[in-house]
Amino acid sequence: MTLSSLQSEVNGIQDRLNRLAQERLQLETHLSTIKAQIDLVEVMNQESPSALPGGAMLRQNVELDQLDKESTPAKPRSSSCCRSIRKPIRRPGPEETPRSAQEQRDDLQAKQEAMLATESARPKEATKRAQIFRWRKA
């Protein structure tokens, strides 16, 4: 091999090393960002949800998501579940009838909309203006 071909090979290797060092730096930065986000989530989990601004809204959103999942009919996994022998179903009286997931979801959604309406109707606090002190010239 000639000297020029060896130099070009060394330059290529140095370029690859530089790219790898930059990629490593980016990955380390990304890792530290993710660790900071994990720490933040852990701190938020330790605090009560109602103490956070919008915490009640967050809790209601989680409940709405769960009720949406419950109200969505599940498809049978196999045809064997359709072949099972059905037992007679005891129908509860009107006092015993549990509310359906859809009704619970609708109630929560109405409650959330009412909460938003009251918050928007409430007058906003006036921003305090900083007092400007002027020095009197003697």
C-alpha atoms as a PDB file:
ATOM      1  CA  MET A   1       0.000   0.000   0.000  1.00  0.00           C
ATOM      2  CA  THR A   2       1.116   3.492  -0.627  1.00  0.00           C
ATOM      3  CA  LEU A   3       1.376   6.274   1.886  1.00  0.00           C
ATOM      4  CA  SER A   4      -1.559   8.213   0.422  1.00  0.00           C
ATOM      5  CA  SER A   5      -3.891   5.201   0.610  1.00  0.00           C
ATOM      6  CA  LEU A   6      -2.900   4.629   4.246  1.00  0.00           C
ATOM      7  CA  GLN A   7      -3.525   8.299   5.042  1.00  0.00           C
ATOM      8  CA  SER A   8      -6.973   8.183   3.423  1.00  0.00           C
ATOM      9  CA  GLU A   9      -7.767   5.039   5.410  1.00  0.00           C
ATOM     10  CA  VAL A  10      -6.672   6.740   8.650  1.00  0.00           C
ATOM     11  CA  ASN A  11      -8.809   9.771   7.778  1.00  0.00           C
ATOM     12  CA  GLY A  12     -11.809   7.518   7.167  1.00  0.00           C
ATOM     13  CA  ILE A  13     -11.308   5.797  10.518  1.00  0.00           C
ATOM     14  CA  GLN A  14     -11.000   9.164  12.275  1.00  0.00           C
ATOM     15  CA  ASP A  15     -14.233  10.330  10.636  1.00  0.00           C
ATOM     16  CA  ARG A  16     -16.027   7.215  11.838  1.00  0.00           C
ATOM     17  CA  LEU A  17     -14.636   7.716  15.353  1.00  0.00           C
ATOM     18  CA  ASN A  18     -15.875  11.313  15.363  1.00  0.00           C
ATOM     19  CA  ARG A  19     -19.343  10.236  14.217  1.00  0.00           C
ATOM     20  CA  LEU A  20     -19.452   7.552  16.907  1.00  0.00           C
ATOM     21  CA  ALA A  21     -18.368  10.057  19.566  1.00  0.00           C
ATOM     22  CA  GLN A  22     -21.125  12.461  18.478  1.00  0.00           C
ATOM     23  CA  GLU A  23     -23.692   9.671  18.496  1.00  0.00           C
ATOM     24  CA  ARG A  24     -22.537   8.601  21.964  1.00  0.00           C
ATOM     25  CA  LEU A  25     -22.903  12.182  23.212  1.00  0.00           C
ATOM     26  CA  GLN A  26     -26.420  12.386  21.772  1.00  0.00           C
ATOM     27  CA  LEU A  27     -27.394   9.079  23.371  1.00  0.00           C
ATOM     28  CA  GLU A  28     -25.994  10.129  26.757  1.00  0.00           C
ATOM     29  CA  THR A  29     -27.931  13.386  26.559  1.00  0.00           C
ATOM     30  CA  HIS A  30     -31.088  11.508  25.633  1.00  0.00           C
ATOM     31  CA  LEU A  31     -30.519   9.078  28.511  1.00  0.00           C
ATOM     32  CA  SER A  32     -30.126  11.900  31.028  1.00  0.00           C
ATOM     33  CA  THR A  33     -33.318  13.527  29.713  1.00  0.00           C
ATOM     34  CA  ILE A  34     -35.233  10.274  30.093  1.00  0.00           C
ATOM     35  CA  LYS A  35     -33.884   9.782  33.631  1.00  0.00           C
ATOM     36  CA  ALA A  36     -35.022  13.296  34.542  1.00  0.00           C
ATOM     37  CA  GLN A  37     -38.478  12.547  33.147  1.00  0.00           C
ATOM     38  CA  ILE A  38     -38.643   9.308  35.138  1.00  0.00           C
ATOM     39  CA  ASP A  39     -37.707  11.186  38.305  1.00  0.00           C
ATOM     40  CA  LEU A  40     -40.417  13.749  37.600  1.00  0.00           C
ATOM     41  CA  VAL A  41     -43.021  11.020  37.075  1.00  0.00           C
ATOM     42  CA  GLU A  42     -41.989   9.339  40.337  1.00  0.00           C
ATOM     43  CA  VAL A  43     -42.318  12.625  42.217  1.00  0.00           C
ATOM     44  CA  MET A  44     -45.721  13.235  40.650  1.00  0.00           C
ATOM     45  CA  ASN A  45     -46.847   9.715  41.591  1.00  0.00           C
ATOM     46  CA  GLN A  46     -45.846  10.298  45.205  1.00  0.00           C
ATOM     47  CA  GLU A  47     -47.949  13.460  45.429  1.00  0.00           C
ATOM     48  CA  SER A  48     -51.685  13.091  45.654  1.00  0.00           C
ATOM     49  CA  PRO A  49     -53.401  13.692  42.315  1.00  0.00           C
ATOM     50  CA  SER A  50     -55.805  16.239  43.803  1.00  0.00           C
ATOM     51  CA  ALA A  51     -52.888  18.377  45.053  1.00  0.00           C
ATOM     52  CA  LEU A  52     -51.677  18.974  41.525  1.00  0.00           C
ATOM     53  CA  PRO A  53     -53.329  21.616  39.369  1.00  0.00           C
ATOM     54  CA  GLY A  54     -55.943  19.831  37.306  1.00  0.00           C
ATOM     55  CA  GLY A  55     -55.428  16.680  39.409  1.00  0.00           C
ATOM     56  CA  ALA A  56     -59.130  16.031  39.788  1.00  0.00           C
ATOM     57  CA  MET A  57     -59.499  16.409  36.038  1.00  0.00           C
ATOM     58  CA  LEU A  58     -56.632  13.946  35.506  1.00  0.00           C
ATOM     59  CA  ARG A  59     -58.226  11.404  37.827  1.00  0.00           C
ATOM     60  CA  GLN A  60     -61.559  11.785  36.007  1.00  0.00           C
ATOM     61  CA  ASN A  61     -59.849  11.338  32.641  1.00  0.00           C
ATOM     62  CA  VAL A  62     -58.302   8.085  33.861  1.00  0.00           C
ATOM     63  CA  GLU A  63     -61.711   6.911  35.085  1.00  0.00           C
ATOM     64  CA  LEU A  64     -63.285   7.874  31.747  1.00  0.00           C
ATOM     65  CA  ASP A  65     -60.653   5.881  29.882  1.00  0.00           C
ATOM     66  CA  GLN A  66     -61.284   2.840  32.054  1.00  0.00           C
ATOM     67  CA  LEU A  67     -65.045   3.121  31.598  1.00  0.00           C
ATOM     68  CA  ASP A  68     -64.597   3.489  27.838  1.00  0.00           C
ATOM     69  CA  LYS A  69     -62.611   0.263  27.806  1.00  0.00           C
ATOM     70  CA  GLU A  70     -65.237  -1.504  29.916  1.00  0.00           C
ATOM     71  CA  SER A  71     -68.146  -0.298  27.796  1.00  0.00           C
ATOM     72  CA  THR A  72     -66.521  -1.473  24.562  1.00  0.00           C
ATOM     73  CA  PRO A  73     -67.780  -5.009  23.889  1.00  0.00           C
ATOM     74  CA  ALA A  74     -65.015  -7.586  23.829  1.00  0.00           C
ATOM     75  CA  LYS A  75     -64.872 -10.052  20.963  1.00  0.00           C
ATOM     76  CA  PRO A  76     -64.741 -13.735  21.864  1.00  0.00           C
ATOM     77  CA  ARG A  77     -61.309 -15.264  21.564  1.00  0.00           C
ATOM     78  CA  SER A  78     -62.491 -18.548  20.204  1.00  0.00           C
ATOM     79  CA  SER A  79     -65.675 -20.287  19.202  1.00  0.00           C
ATOM     80  CA  SER A  80     -65.412 -22.551  22.264  1.00  0.00           C
ATOM     81  CA  CYS A  81     -66.788 -19.824  24.507  1.00  0.00           C
ATOM     82  CA  CYS A  82     -69.989 -19.782  22.449  1.00  0.00           C
ATOM     83  CA  ARG A  83     -70.502 -23.515  22.994  1.00  0.00           C
ATOM     84  CA  SER A  84     -70.576 -23.269  26.768  1.00  0.00           C
ATOM     85  CA  ILE A  85     -73.805 -24.103  28.556  1.00  0.00           C
ATOM     86  CA  ARG A  86     -75.602 -20.992  29.666  1.00  0.00           C
ATOM     87  CA  LYS A  87     -77.036 -20.808  33.139  1.00  0.00           C
ATOM     88  CA  PRO A  88     -80.224 -18.840  33.724  1.00  0.00           C
ATOM     89  CA  ILE A  89     -79.480 -15.251  34.608  1.00  0.00           C
ATOM     90  CA  ARG A  90     -81.041 -13.814  37.741  1.00  0.00           C
ATOM     91  CA  ARG A  91     -82.313 -10.362  36.885  1.00  0.00           C
ATOM     92  CA  PRO A  92     -81.843  -7.872  39.729  1.00  0.00           C
ATOM     93  CA  GLY A  93     -84.660  -5.567  40.760  1.00  0.00           C
ATOM     94  CA  PRO A  94     -84.643  -1.855  39.884  1.00  0.00           C
ATOM     95  CA  GLU A  95     -83.002  -0.967  43.206  1.00  0.00           C
ATOM     96  CA  GLU A  96     -80.257  -3.548  42.722  1.00  0.00           C
ATOM     97  CA  THR A  97     -79.494  -2.725  39.100  1.00  0.00           C
ATOM     98  CA  PRO A  98     -75.921  -1.472  38.841  1.00  0.00           C
ATOM     99  CA  ARG A  99     -75.305   1.441  36.567  1.00  0.00           C
ATOM    100  CA  SER A 100     -73.762   0.514  33.277  1.00  0.00           C
ATOM    101  CA  ALA A 101     -70.264   1.617  32.439  1.00  0.00           C
ATOM    102  CA  GLN A 102     -71.698   3.849  29.724  1.00  0.00           C
ATOM    103  CA  GLU A 103     -73.940   5.646  32.239  1.00  0.00           C
ATOM    104  CA  GLN A 104     -71.040   6.081  34.660  1.00  0.00           C
ATOM    105  CA  ARG A 105     -68.905   7.440  31.841  1.00  0.00           C
ATOM    106  CA  ASP A 106     -71.626   9.860  30.765  1.00  0.00           C
ATOM    107  CA  ASP A 107     -72.069  11.069  34.360  1.00  0.00           C
ATOM    108  CA  LEU A 108     -68.340  11.636  34.766  1.00  0.00           C
ATOM    109  CA  GLN A 109     -68.168  13.453  31.446  1.00  0.00           C
ATOM    110  CA  ALA A 110     -71.094  15.710  32.415  1.00  0.00           C
ATOM    111  CA  LYS A 111     -69.452  16.397  35.766  1.00  0.00           C
ATOM    112  CA  GLN A 112     -66.195  17.291  34.032  1.00  0.00           C
ATOM    113  CA  GLU A 113     -67.963  19.619  31.584  1.00  0.00           C
ATOM    114  CA  ALA A 114     -69.782  21.310  34.488  1.00  0.00           C
ATOM    115  CA  MET A 115     -66.455  21.767  36.278  1.00  0.00           C
ATOM    116  CA  LEU A 116     -64.954  23.367  33.162  1.00  0.00           C
ATOM    117  CA  ALA A 117     -67.979  25.642  32.784  1.00  0.00           C
ATOM    118  CA  THR A 118     -67.717  26.849  36.393  1.00  0.00           C
ATOM    119  CA  GLU A 119     -63.998  27.449  36.006  1.00  0.00           C
ATOM    120  CA  SER A 120     -64.503  29.459  32.825  1.00  0.00           C
ATOM    121  CA  ALA A 121     -67.382  31.454  34.385  1.00  0.00           C
ATOM    122  CA  ARG A 122     -65.327  32.349  37.440  1.00  0.00           C
ATOM    123  CA  PRO A 123     -63.708  35.764  37.103  1.00  0.00           C
ATOM    124  CA  LYS A 124     -59.992  35.636  36.633  1.00  0.00           C
ATOM    125  CA  GLU A 125     -57.767  37.265  39.197  1.00  0.00           C
ATOM    126  CA  ALA A 126     -56.520  40.631  38.112  1.00  0.00           C
ATOM    127  CA  THR A 127     -52.832  40.699  37.507  1.00  0.00           C
ATOM    128  CA  LYS A 128     -51.022  42.826  39.981  1.00  0.00           C
ATOM    129  CA  ARG A 129     -49.024  45.603  38.500  1.00  0.00           C
ATOM    130  CA  ALA A 130     -45.694  46.369  40.012  1.00  0.00           C
ATOM    131  CA  GLN A 131     -45.560  49.697  41.737  1.00  0.00           C
ATOM    132  CA  ILE A 132     -43.094  52.093  40.320  1.00  0.00           C
ATOM    133  CA  PHE A 133     -41.436  54.246  42.895  1.00  0.00           C
ATOM    134  CA  ARG A 134     -40.174  57.584  41.730  1.00  0.00           C
ATOM    135  CA  TRP A 135     -37.607  59.490  43.638  1.00  0.00           C
ATOM    136  CA  ARG A 136     -38.327  63.076  44.273  1.00  0.00           C
ATOM    137  CA  LYS A 137     -35.632  65.476  43.387  1.00  0.00           C
ATOM    138  CA  ALA A 138     -34.857  67.859  46.154  1.00  0.00           C
END
